[in-house]
Amino acid sequence: MRVIAGTAKSLPLRTPPGQETRPTTDRIKETLFNILQPYLAGSIFIDLFSGSGGIGIEALSRGASRAYFIENAPQAIACIQQNLVFTKFTDRAIVMRQEVCAGLAGIREKKADLIFMDPPYDQGHEKRVLEFLRSAEYVTDRTLVIVEASLQTDFSYLPSLGWECIREKKYKTNKHVFIQRG
């Protein structure tokens, strides 16, 4: 796994040992960031269920002004911190070792531009986080939430929570769902 583009282009990233995390492949990450590129310059980026931190680091490399990394697993937190030191992004990163909703409650930004989440598949975490985010003060009508999920994950509940799916990008085994306030 590596940084695809930007100021840290081609730098290799560590991943936590074991099967606890599923790092997004370089190919899928490149497709995702080709879609997100217009939104990145100067943005506030939040990376939930961060794993190795590869998504948030890619955002920083491509111009995000600050990135939050919210992760609960100690080995993943250590990995994120090592990757931030190696890529020289520690000054623009906030790493929070917390359960995701507890971490989100601690963010004190006026607005968040991009919120990415890659929770364990098919466990309902997406809905719980979206329920929390609908009342977060930093989520505006322009905030873009991106969820990486299994192909089977059903998002038909979005309108009932005040969200709208504005785009869906399917891959062989998973998908990215792009969501904004409805």
N, C-alpha and C. Protein backbone atom coordinates (compact mmCIF):
# COMPACT_ATOMS: atom_id res chain seq x y z
N MET A 1 0.85 -1.17 0.00
CA MET A 1 0.00 0.00 0.00
C MET A 1 0.89 1.23 0.00
N ARG A 2 0.47 2.25 -0.76
CA ARG A 2 1.28 3.46 -0.90
C ARG A 2 0.38 4.67 -1.07
N VAL A 3 0.99 5.85 -0.98
CA VAL A 3 0.29 7.08 -1.28
C VAL A 3 0.28 7.21 -2.80
N ILE A 4 -0.87 7.45 -3.39
CA ILE A 4 -1.02 7.44 -4.85
C ILE A 4 -0.54 8.74 -5.49
N ALA A 5 -0.90 9.90 -4.90
CA ALA A 5 -0.58 11.18 -5.54
C ALA A 5 -0.37 12.26 -4.50
N GLY A 6 0.11 13.41 -4.96
CA GLY A 6 0.29 14.56 -4.09
C GLY A 6 1.69 14.66 -3.53
N THR A 7 1.82 15.40 -2.44
CA THR A 7 3.14 15.70 -1.88
C THR A 7 3.85 14.48 -1.32
N ALA A 8 3.12 13.45 -0.93
CA ALA A 8 3.73 12.22 -0.39
C ALA A 8 3.66 11.07 -1.41
N LYS A 9 3.48 11.41 -2.67
CA LYS A 9 3.32 10.40 -3.73
C LYS A 9 4.38 9.30 -3.65
N SER A 10 3.91 8.07 -3.80
CA SER A 10 4.73 6.85 -3.86
C SER A 10 5.31 6.39 -2.54
N LEU A 11 5.10 7.13 -1.45
CA LEU A 11 5.63 6.66 -0.18
C LEU A 11 4.83 5.44 0.29
N PRO A 12 5.55 4.40 0.71
CA PRO A 12 4.85 3.20 1.19
C PRO A 12 4.25 3.44 2.58
N LEU A 13 3.10 2.79 2.84
CA LEU A 13 2.44 2.90 4.13
C LEU A 13 2.40 1.54 4.81
N ARG A 14 2.54 1.57 6.12
CA ARG A 14 2.41 0.33 6.90
C ARG A 14 0.94 0.01 7.08
N THR A 15 0.65 -1.27 7.29
CA THR A 15 -0.71 -1.68 7.63
C THR A 15 -0.64 -2.49 8.93
N PRO A 16 -1.69 -2.42 9.73
CA PRO A 16 -1.70 -3.19 10.98
C PRO A 16 -1.63 -4.69 10.67
N PRO A 17 -0.95 -5.46 11.50
CA PRO A 17 -0.89 -6.90 11.29
C PRO A 17 -2.25 -7.56 11.51
N GLY A 18 -2.46 -8.71 10.90
CA GLY A 18 -3.69 -9.47 11.11
C GLY A 18 -4.78 -9.09 10.14
N GLN A 19 -5.97 -9.62 10.39
CA GLN A 19 -7.10 -9.43 9.50
C GLN A 19 -8.14 -8.44 10.04
N GLU A 20 -7.77 -7.68 11.07
CA GLU A 20 -8.71 -6.73 11.67
C GLU A 20 -9.09 -5.62 10.70
N THR A 21 -8.14 -5.22 9.84
CA THR A 21 -8.41 -4.14 8.90
C THR A 21 -8.36 -4.68 7.47
N ARG A 22 -9.05 -3.99 6.59
CA ARG A 22 -9.03 -4.31 5.15
C ARG A 22 -8.56 -3.07 4.43
N PRO A 23 -7.25 -2.88 4.26
CA PRO A 23 -6.81 -1.66 3.58
C PRO A 23 -7.41 -1.56 2.18
N THR A 24 -7.87 -0.36 1.85
CA THR A 24 -8.42 -0.12 0.52
C THR A 24 -7.29 -0.28 -0.49
N THR A 25 -7.51 -1.07 -1.52
CA THR A 25 -6.46 -1.31 -2.50
C THR A 25 -6.09 -0.01 -3.22
N ASP A 26 -4.86 0.05 -3.72
CA ASP A 26 -4.39 1.24 -4.43
C ASP A 26 -5.30 1.59 -5.60
N ARG A 27 -5.76 0.59 -6.29
CA ARG A 27 -6.60 0.83 -7.47
C ARG A 27 -7.94 1.48 -7.09
N ILE A 28 -8.57 0.95 -6.05
CA ILE A 28 -9.84 1.51 -5.59
C ILE A 28 -9.61 2.90 -4.99
N LYS A 29 -8.51 3.05 -4.24
CA LYS A 29 -8.18 4.36 -3.65
C LYS A 29 -7.97 5.40 -4.75
N GLU A 30 -7.32 5.02 -5.82
CA GLU A 30 -7.09 5.95 -6.92
C GLU A 30 -8.42 6.37 -7.56
N THR A 31 -9.32 5.42 -7.77
CA THR A 31 -10.64 5.74 -8.33
C THR A 31 -11.40 6.68 -7.40
N LEU A 32 -11.40 6.37 -6.10
CA LEU A 32 -12.08 7.20 -5.11
C LEU A 32 -11.54 8.63 -5.15
N PHE A 33 -10.22 8.78 -5.14
CA PHE A 33 -9.65 10.12 -5.07
C PHE A 33 -9.74 10.87 -6.39
N ASN A 34 -9.90 10.18 -7.49
CA ASN A 34 -10.20 10.88 -8.75
C ASN A 34 -11.57 11.55 -8.65
N ILE A 35 -12.50 10.91 -7.95
CA ILE A 35 -13.83 11.49 -7.73
C ILE A 35 -13.76 12.64 -6.72
N LEU A 36 -12.96 12.49 -5.67
CA LEU A 36 -12.91 13.47 -4.58
C LEU A 36 -12.01 14.67 -4.85
N GLN A 37 -11.12 14.57 -5.84
CA GLN A 37 -10.10 15.60 -6.06
C GLN A 37 -10.65 17.03 -6.05
N PRO A 38 -11.79 17.32 -6.69
CA PRO A 38 -12.28 18.71 -6.70
C PRO A 38 -12.64 19.26 -5.31
N TYR A 39 -12.84 18.39 -4.34
CA TYR A 39 -13.28 18.79 -3.01
C TYR A 39 -12.13 18.90 -2.00
N LEU A 40 -10.92 18.48 -2.36
CA LEU A 40 -9.86 18.28 -1.38
C LEU A 40 -9.09 19.53 -0.96
N ALA A 41 -8.81 20.45 -1.85
CA ALA A 41 -7.95 21.60 -1.53
C ALA A 41 -8.48 22.36 -0.33
N GLY A 42 -7.69 22.42 0.72
CA GLY A 42 -8.05 23.17 1.92
C GLY A 42 -9.15 22.56 2.76
N SER A 43 -9.52 21.32 2.50
CA SER A 43 -10.66 20.71 3.18
C SER A 43 -10.32 20.19 4.58
N ILE A 44 -11.39 20.01 5.35
CA ILE A 44 -11.33 19.28 6.61
C ILE A 44 -11.84 17.88 6.29
N PHE A 45 -10.99 16.87 6.50
CA PHE A 45 -11.27 15.48 6.12
C PHE A 45 -11.34 14.65 7.39
N ILE A 46 -12.37 13.83 7.52
CA ILE A 46 -12.51 12.94 8.68
C ILE A 46 -12.50 11.50 8.18
N ASP A 47 -11.57 10.71 8.72
CA ASP A 47 -11.38 9.31 8.33
C ASP A 47 -11.83 8.44 9.51
N LEU A 48 -12.99 7.78 9.36
CA LEU A 48 -13.56 6.95 10.42
C LEU A 48 -13.22 5.49 10.21
N PHE A 49 -13.03 4.75 11.30
CA PHE A 49 -12.58 3.35 11.21
C PHE A 49 -11.30 3.36 10.37
N SER A 50 -10.34 4.16 10.78
CA SER A 50 -9.18 4.55 9.96
C SER A 50 -8.23 3.44 9.56
N GLY A 51 -8.13 2.37 10.35
CA GLY A 51 -7.20 1.29 10.00
C GLY A 51 -5.76 1.78 9.97
N SER A 52 -5.15 1.77 8.79
CA SER A 52 -3.76 2.22 8.64
C SER A 52 -3.66 3.74 8.47
N GLY A 53 -4.80 4.39 8.24
CA GLY A 53 -4.80 5.82 7.99
C GLY A 53 -4.57 6.19 6.53
N GLY A 54 -4.53 5.19 5.66
CA GLY A 54 -4.19 5.41 4.25
C GLY A 54 -5.11 6.38 3.53
N ILE A 55 -6.40 6.37 3.85
CA ILE A 55 -7.35 7.27 3.16
C ILE A 55 -7.13 8.72 3.61
N GLY A 56 -7.05 8.94 4.91
CA GLY A 56 -6.82 10.29 5.41
C GLY A 56 -5.47 10.84 4.98
N ILE A 57 -4.45 9.99 4.95
CA ILE A 57 -3.12 10.42 4.50
C ILE A 57 -3.15 10.79 3.02
N GLU A 58 -3.88 10.02 2.22
CA GLU A 58 -4.03 10.36 0.80
C GLU A 58 -4.69 11.73 0.66
N ALA A 59 -5.70 12.00 1.49
CA ALA A 59 -6.38 13.31 1.45
C ALA A 59 -5.40 14.43 1.80
N LEU A 60 -4.58 14.23 2.83
CA LEU A 60 -3.58 15.24 3.20
C LEU A 60 -2.57 15.44 2.07
N SER A 61 -2.12 14.36 1.48
CA SER A 61 -1.15 14.43 0.39
C SER A 61 -1.70 15.22 -0.79
N ARG A 62 -3.01 15.15 -0.99
CA ARG A 62 -3.65 15.81 -2.13
C ARG A 62 -4.22 17.19 -1.79
N GLY A 63 -3.94 17.70 -0.60
CA GLY A 63 -4.31 19.09 -0.33
C GLY A 63 -5.27 19.38 0.79
N ALA A 64 -5.77 18.36 1.50
CA ALA A 64 -6.63 18.64 2.65
C ALA A 64 -5.82 19.43 3.68
N SER A 65 -6.44 20.38 4.34
CA SER A 65 -5.70 21.19 5.32
C SER A 65 -5.54 20.47 6.66
N ARG A 66 -6.52 19.62 6.99
CA ARG A 66 -6.45 18.87 8.25
C ARG A 66 -7.23 17.58 8.09
N ALA A 67 -6.75 16.54 8.75
CA ALA A 67 -7.46 15.26 8.74
C ALA A 67 -7.56 14.71 10.16
N TYR A 68 -8.74 14.22 10.47
CA TYR A 68 -9.00 13.51 11.73
C TYR A 68 -8.99 12.03 11.43
N PHE A 69 -8.35 11.25 12.31
CA PHE A 69 -8.31 9.80 12.19
C PHE A 69 -8.95 9.24 13.45
N ILE A 70 -10.09 8.58 13.31
CA ILE A 70 -10.78 8.02 14.48
C ILE A 70 -10.78 6.50 14.35
N GLU A 71 -10.14 5.88 15.32
CA GLU A 71 -9.91 4.43 15.30
C GLU A 71 -9.81 3.97 16.75
N ASN A 72 -10.26 2.75 17.02
CA ASN A 72 -10.26 2.24 18.39
C ASN A 72 -9.17 1.18 18.65
N ALA A 73 -8.68 0.52 17.62
CA ALA A 73 -7.73 -0.58 17.80
C ALA A 73 -6.31 -0.04 18.06
N PRO A 74 -5.68 -0.46 19.16
CA PRO A 74 -4.35 0.05 19.51
C PRO A 74 -3.29 -0.17 18.41
N GLN A 75 -3.28 -1.35 17.79
CA GLN A 75 -2.28 -1.60 16.73
C GLN A 75 -2.50 -0.70 15.53
N ALA A 76 -3.77 -0.43 15.21
CA ALA A 76 -4.07 0.47 14.10
C ALA A 76 -3.64 1.89 14.43
N ILE A 77 -3.89 2.35 15.65
CA ILE A 77 -3.48 3.69 16.07
C ILE A 77 -1.96 3.83 15.94
N ALA A 78 -1.22 2.84 16.41
CA ALA A 78 0.24 2.88 16.29
C ALA A 78 0.67 2.97 14.83
N CYS A 79 0.00 2.24 13.98
CA CYS A 79 0.29 2.23 12.55
C CYS A 79 0.00 3.61 11.93
N ILE A 80 -1.14 4.19 12.26
CA ILE A 80 -1.50 5.52 11.76
C ILE A 80 -0.42 6.52 12.17
N GLN A 81 -0.03 6.49 13.44
CA GLN A 81 0.98 7.44 13.93
C GLN A 81 2.32 7.26 13.21
N GLN A 82 2.73 6.02 12.98
CA GLN A 82 3.97 5.77 12.24
C GLN A 82 3.86 6.29 10.80
N ASN A 83 2.72 6.05 10.16
CA ASN A 83 2.53 6.52 8.78
C ASN A 83 2.52 8.05 8.70
N LEU A 84 1.94 8.70 9.69
CA LEU A 84 1.92 10.17 9.71
C LEU A 84 3.32 10.74 9.89
N VAL A 85 4.11 10.13 10.76
CA VAL A 85 5.50 10.58 10.94
C VAL A 85 6.28 10.38 9.63
N PHE A 86 6.14 9.20 9.02
CA PHE A 86 6.88 8.89 7.80
C PHE A 86 6.51 9.82 6.65
N THR A 87 5.22 10.18 6.54
CA THR A 87 4.78 11.06 5.45
C THR A 87 4.89 12.54 5.82
N LYS A 88 5.30 12.82 7.06
CA LYS A 88 5.48 14.20 7.55
C LYS A 88 4.18 14.99 7.60
N PHE A 89 3.09 14.34 8.01
CA PHE A 89 1.79 15.00 8.12
C PHE A 89 1.31 15.15 9.56
N THR A 90 2.16 14.92 10.54
CA THR A 90 1.71 14.96 11.93
C THR A 90 1.15 16.33 12.32
N ASP A 91 1.65 17.40 11.71
CA ASP A 91 1.20 18.75 12.06
C ASP A 91 -0.20 19.06 11.54
N ARG A 92 -0.70 18.26 10.61
CA ARG A 92 -2.03 18.49 10.03
C ARG A 92 -3.01 17.37 10.37
N ALA A 93 -2.62 16.51 11.30
CA ALA A 93 -3.44 15.33 11.63
C ALA A 93 -3.82 15.32 13.11
N ILE A 94 -5.02 14.86 13.37
CA ILE A 94 -5.49 14.65 14.73
C ILE A 94 -5.92 13.19 14.82
N VAL A 95 -5.22 12.42 15.65
CA VAL A 95 -5.50 11.00 15.81
C VAL A 95 -6.26 10.80 17.12
N MET A 96 -7.41 10.14 17.03
CA MET A 96 -8.26 9.93 18.19
C MET A 96 -8.49 8.44 18.39
N ARG A 97 -8.00 7.92 19.50
CA ARG A 97 -8.24 6.52 19.82
C ARG A 97 -9.53 6.44 20.62
N GLN A 98 -10.63 6.27 19.89
CA GLN A 98 -11.95 6.25 20.51
C GLN A 98 -12.90 5.46 19.63
N GLU A 99 -14.01 5.10 20.22
CA GLU A 99 -15.13 4.57 19.46
C GLU A 99 -15.56 5.71 18.54
N VAL A 100 -16.03 5.38 17.34
CA VAL A 100 -16.26 6.39 16.31
C VAL A 100 -17.20 7.51 16.74
N CYS A 101 -18.36 7.21 17.28
CA CYS A 101 -19.30 8.27 17.65
C CYS A 101 -18.75 9.14 18.79
N ALA A 102 -18.02 8.54 19.72
CA ALA A 102 -17.39 9.32 20.80
C ALA A 102 -16.35 10.27 20.20
N GLY A 103 -15.58 9.78 19.23
CA GLY A 103 -14.60 10.63 18.56
C GLY A 103 -15.26 11.76 17.80
N LEU A 104 -16.33 11.44 17.07
CA LEU A 104 -17.05 12.47 16.32
C LEU A 104 -17.60 13.55 17.24
N ALA A 105 -18.02 13.17 18.42
CA ALA A 105 -18.56 14.14 19.39
C ALA A 105 -17.48 15.11 19.86
N GLY A 106 -16.22 14.73 19.75
CA GLY A 106 -15.12 15.58 20.19
C GLY A 106 -14.57 16.52 19.13
N ILE A 107 -15.10 16.48 17.93
CA ILE A 107 -14.60 17.35 16.86
C ILE A 107 -15.22 18.73 17.01
N ARG A 108 -14.37 19.75 16.99
CA ARG A 108 -14.81 21.13 17.16
C ARG A 108 -14.46 21.98 15.94
N GLU A 109 -14.94 21.58 14.81
CA GLU A 109 -14.73 22.33 13.57
C GLU A 109 -16.01 23.09 13.24
N LYS A 110 -15.88 24.19 12.50
CA LYS A 110 -17.06 24.91 12.02
C LYS A 110 -17.78 24.08 10.96
N LYS A 111 -16.96 23.39 10.12
CA LYS A 111 -17.55 22.52 9.10
C LYS A 111 -16.56 21.41 8.76
N ALA A 112 -17.10 20.29 8.37
CA ALA A 112 -16.30 19.19 7.83
C ALA A 112 -16.70 19.07 6.36
N ASP A 113 -15.69 18.98 5.50
CA ASP A 113 -15.98 18.92 4.07
C ASP A 113 -16.22 17.49 3.59
N LEU A 114 -15.37 16.56 4.06
CA LEU A 114 -15.44 15.17 3.62
C LEU A 114 -15.33 14.25 4.83
N ILE A 115 -16.25 13.31 4.91
CA ILE A 115 -16.21 12.30 5.97
C ILE A 115 -16.22 10.93 5.30
N PHE A 116 -15.16 10.17 5.52
CA PHE A 116 -15.03 8.84 4.92
C PHE A 116 -15.14 7.80 6.01
N MET A 117 -15.93 6.77 5.77
CA MET A 117 -15.98 5.66 6.73
C MET A 117 -15.90 4.32 6.03
N ASP A 118 -15.09 3.46 6.60
CA ASP A 118 -14.90 2.11 6.10
C ASP A 118 -15.05 1.15 7.29
N PRO A 119 -16.29 1.02 7.79
CA PRO A 119 -16.49 0.17 8.97
C PRO A 119 -16.46 -1.31 8.61
N PRO A 120 -16.35 -2.17 9.64
CA PRO A 120 -16.50 -3.60 9.35
C PRO A 120 -17.81 -3.81 8.59
N TYR A 121 -17.75 -4.63 7.56
CA TYR A 121 -18.89 -4.82 6.67
C TYR A 121 -20.05 -5.54 7.36
N ASP A 122 -21.25 -5.16 6.95
CA ASP A 122 -22.49 -5.85 7.29
C ASP A 122 -22.75 -5.97 8.80
N GLN A 123 -22.37 -4.94 9.55
CA GLN A 123 -22.64 -4.93 10.99
C GLN A 123 -23.50 -3.74 11.41
N GLY A 124 -23.95 -2.94 10.44
CA GLY A 124 -24.85 -1.84 10.75
C GLY A 124 -24.20 -0.57 11.28
N HIS A 125 -22.87 -0.52 11.28
CA HIS A 125 -22.19 0.67 11.80
C HIS A 125 -22.51 1.92 10.98
N GLU A 126 -22.70 1.75 9.68
CA GLU A 126 -22.97 2.91 8.81
C GLU A 126 -24.20 3.67 9.29
N LYS A 127 -25.26 2.95 9.54
CA LYS A 127 -26.52 3.59 9.95
C LYS A 127 -26.36 4.30 11.29
N ARG A 128 -25.69 3.68 12.22
CA ARG A 128 -25.46 4.29 13.55
C ARG A 128 -24.67 5.59 13.42
N VAL A 129 -23.63 5.58 12.59
CA VAL A 129 -22.81 6.78 12.41
C VAL A 129 -23.61 7.87 11.69
N LEU A 130 -24.36 7.49 10.66
CA LEU A 130 -25.17 8.48 9.95
C LEU A 130 -26.25 9.09 10.84
N GLU A 131 -26.80 8.29 11.76
CA GLU A 131 -27.76 8.82 12.73
C GLU A 131 -27.09 9.88 13.60
N PHE A 132 -25.85 9.62 14.01
CA PHE A 132 -25.11 10.58 14.82
C PHE A 132 -24.78 11.84 14.01
N LEU A 133 -24.30 11.66 12.79
CA LEU A 133 -23.85 12.79 11.97
C LEU A 133 -24.98 13.74 11.57
N ARG A 134 -26.20 13.25 11.49
CA ARG A 134 -27.29 14.13 11.03
C ARG A 134 -27.48 15.32 11.96
N SER A 135 -27.05 15.22 13.22
CA SER A 135 -27.20 16.36 14.13
C SER A 135 -25.86 16.98 14.53
N ALA A 136 -24.76 16.55 13.92
CA ALA A 136 -23.46 17.14 14.23
C ALA A 136 -23.39 18.55 13.63
N GLU A 137 -22.95 19.51 14.43
CA GLU A 137 -22.94 20.91 14.01
C GLU A 137 -22.03 21.16 12.81
N TYR A 138 -20.96 20.37 12.66
CA TYR A 138 -20.01 20.59 11.57
C TYR A 138 -20.43 19.93 10.25
N VAL A 139 -21.54 19.23 10.25
CA VAL A 139 -22.05 18.64 9.01
C VAL A 139 -23.01 19.64 8.38
N THR A 140 -22.67 20.10 7.19
CA THR A 140 -23.48 21.08 6.49
C THR A 140 -24.15 20.42 5.28
N ASP A 141 -24.93 21.20 4.56
CA ASP A 141 -25.56 20.68 3.34
C ASP A 141 -24.52 20.33 2.27
N ARG A 142 -23.31 20.86 2.41
CA ARG A 142 -22.25 20.61 1.43
C ARG A 142 -21.30 19.50 1.86
N THR A 143 -21.40 19.04 3.10
CA THR A 143 -20.53 17.95 3.57
C THR A 143 -20.83 16.69 2.77
N LEU A 144 -19.78 16.07 2.29
CA LEU A 144 -19.92 14.82 1.54
C LEU A 144 -19.46 13.67 2.42
N VAL A 145 -20.35 12.70 2.63
CA VAL A 145 -20.03 11.50 3.40
C VAL A 145 -19.86 10.36 2.41
N ILE A 146 -18.74 9.65 2.53
CA ILE A 146 -18.46 8.53 1.64
C ILE A 146 -18.37 7.28 2.51
N VAL A 147 -19.15 6.25 2.16
CA VAL A 147 -19.15 5.00 2.90
C VAL A 147 -18.61 3.90 2.00
N GLU A 148 -17.60 3.18 2.49
CA GLU A 148 -17.15 1.97 1.80
C GLU A 148 -17.90 0.81 2.45
N ALA A 149 -18.58 0.02 1.64
CA ALA A 149 -19.44 -1.04 2.17
C ALA A 149 -19.43 -2.25 1.23
N SER A 150 -19.95 -3.36 1.72
CA SER A 150 -20.10 -4.53 0.87
C SER A 150 -21.16 -4.24 -0.19
N LEU A 151 -21.13 -4.99 -1.26
CA LEU A 151 -22.12 -4.79 -2.33
C LEU A 151 -23.54 -5.03 -1.82
N GLN A 152 -23.70 -5.86 -0.80
CA GLN A 152 -25.03 -6.21 -0.29
C GLN A 152 -25.60 -5.18 0.68
N THR A 153 -24.79 -4.24 1.15
CA THR A 153 -25.26 -3.29 2.15
C THR A 153 -26.39 -2.43 1.59
N ASP A 154 -27.49 -2.40 2.33
CA ASP A 154 -28.70 -1.68 1.91
C ASP A 154 -28.70 -0.29 2.53
N PHE A 155 -28.86 0.72 1.70
CA PHE A 155 -28.91 2.10 2.17
C PHE A 155 -30.29 2.72 1.94
N SER A 156 -31.32 1.90 1.81
CA SER A 156 -32.67 2.41 1.54
C SER A 156 -33.21 3.27 2.69
N TYR A 157 -32.62 3.20 3.87
CA TYR A 157 -33.04 3.97 5.03
C TYR A 157 -32.57 5.43 4.98
N LEU A 158 -31.71 5.79 4.05
CA LEU A 158 -31.12 7.13 4.03
C LEU A 158 -32.15 8.26 4.10
N PRO A 159 -33.20 8.27 3.27
CA PRO A 159 -34.16 9.38 3.34
C PRO A 159 -34.82 9.53 4.72
N SER A 160 -35.06 8.43 5.41
CA SER A 160 -35.69 8.51 6.73
C SER A 160 -34.78 9.18 7.76
N LEU A 161 -33.46 9.23 7.48
CA LEU A 161 -32.52 9.90 8.37
C LEU A 161 -32.15 11.30 7.88
N GLY A 162 -32.76 11.71 6.76
CA GLY A 162 -32.45 13.03 6.22
C GLY A 162 -31.25 13.06 5.29
N TRP A 163 -30.85 11.91 4.78
CA TRP A 163 -29.71 11.81 3.87
C TRP A 163 -30.18 11.42 2.48
N GLU A 164 -29.32 11.67 1.50
CA GLU A 164 -29.61 11.32 0.12
C GLU A 164 -28.36 10.72 -0.52
N CYS A 165 -28.52 9.62 -1.22
CA CYS A 165 -27.42 9.01 -1.98
C CYS A 165 -27.30 9.79 -3.28
N ILE A 166 -26.15 10.43 -3.48
CA ILE A 166 -25.98 11.22 -4.70
C ILE A 166 -25.15 10.49 -5.75
N ARG A 167 -24.47 9.41 -5.32
CA ARG A 167 -23.67 8.63 -6.27
C ARG A 167 -23.30 7.31 -5.61
N GLU A 168 -23.14 6.30 -6.45
CA GLU A 168 -22.69 5.00 -5.97
C GLU A 168 -21.69 4.45 -6.98
N LYS A 169 -20.54 4.02 -6.51
CA LYS A 169 -19.51 3.45 -7.38
C LYS A 169 -19.26 2.02 -6.93
N LYS A 170 -19.60 1.06 -7.80
CA LYS A 170 -19.44 -0.35 -7.45
C LYS A 170 -18.13 -0.90 -8.00
N TYR A 171 -17.52 -1.78 -7.21
CA TYR A 171 -16.31 -2.50 -7.60
C TYR A 171 -16.65 -3.99 -7.59
N LYS A 172 -15.66 -4.83 -7.71
CA LYS A 172 -15.91 -6.26 -7.77
C LYS A 172 -16.53 -6.80 -6.47
N THR A 173 -16.00 -6.37 -5.32
CA THR A 173 -16.46 -6.94 -4.05
C THR A 173 -17.06 -5.92 -3.08
N ASN A 174 -17.00 -4.64 -3.41
CA ASN A 174 -17.52 -3.62 -2.50
C ASN A 174 -17.98 -2.40 -3.30
N LYS A 175 -18.36 -1.35 -2.58
CA LYS A 175 -18.84 -0.14 -3.24
C LYS A 175 -18.55 1.08 -2.38
N HIS A 176 -18.55 2.24 -3.03
CA HIS A 176 -18.50 3.53 -2.33
C HIS A 176 -19.85 4.20 -2.55
N VAL A 177 -20.45 4.64 -1.47
CA VAL A 177 -21.73 5.33 -1.53
C VAL A 177 -21.47 6.77 -1.08
N PHE A 178 -21.86 7.73 -1.92
CA PHE A 178 -21.63 9.14 -1.67
C PHE A 178 -22.96 9.76 -1.21
N ILE A 179 -22.93 10.37 -0.03
CA ILE A 179 -24.14 10.77 0.65
C ILE A 179 -24.05 12.24 1.08
N GLN A 180 -25.16 12.96 0.93
CA GLN A 180 -25.27 14.32 1.47
C GLN A 180 -26.63 14.48 2.13
N ARG A 181 -26.77 15.55 2.88
CA ARG A 181 -28.07 15.83 3.48
C ARG A 181 -29.11 15.98 2.39
N GLY A 182 -30.27 15.42 2.62
CA GLY A 182 -31.34 15.44 1.62
C GLY A 182 -32.16 16.70 1.65
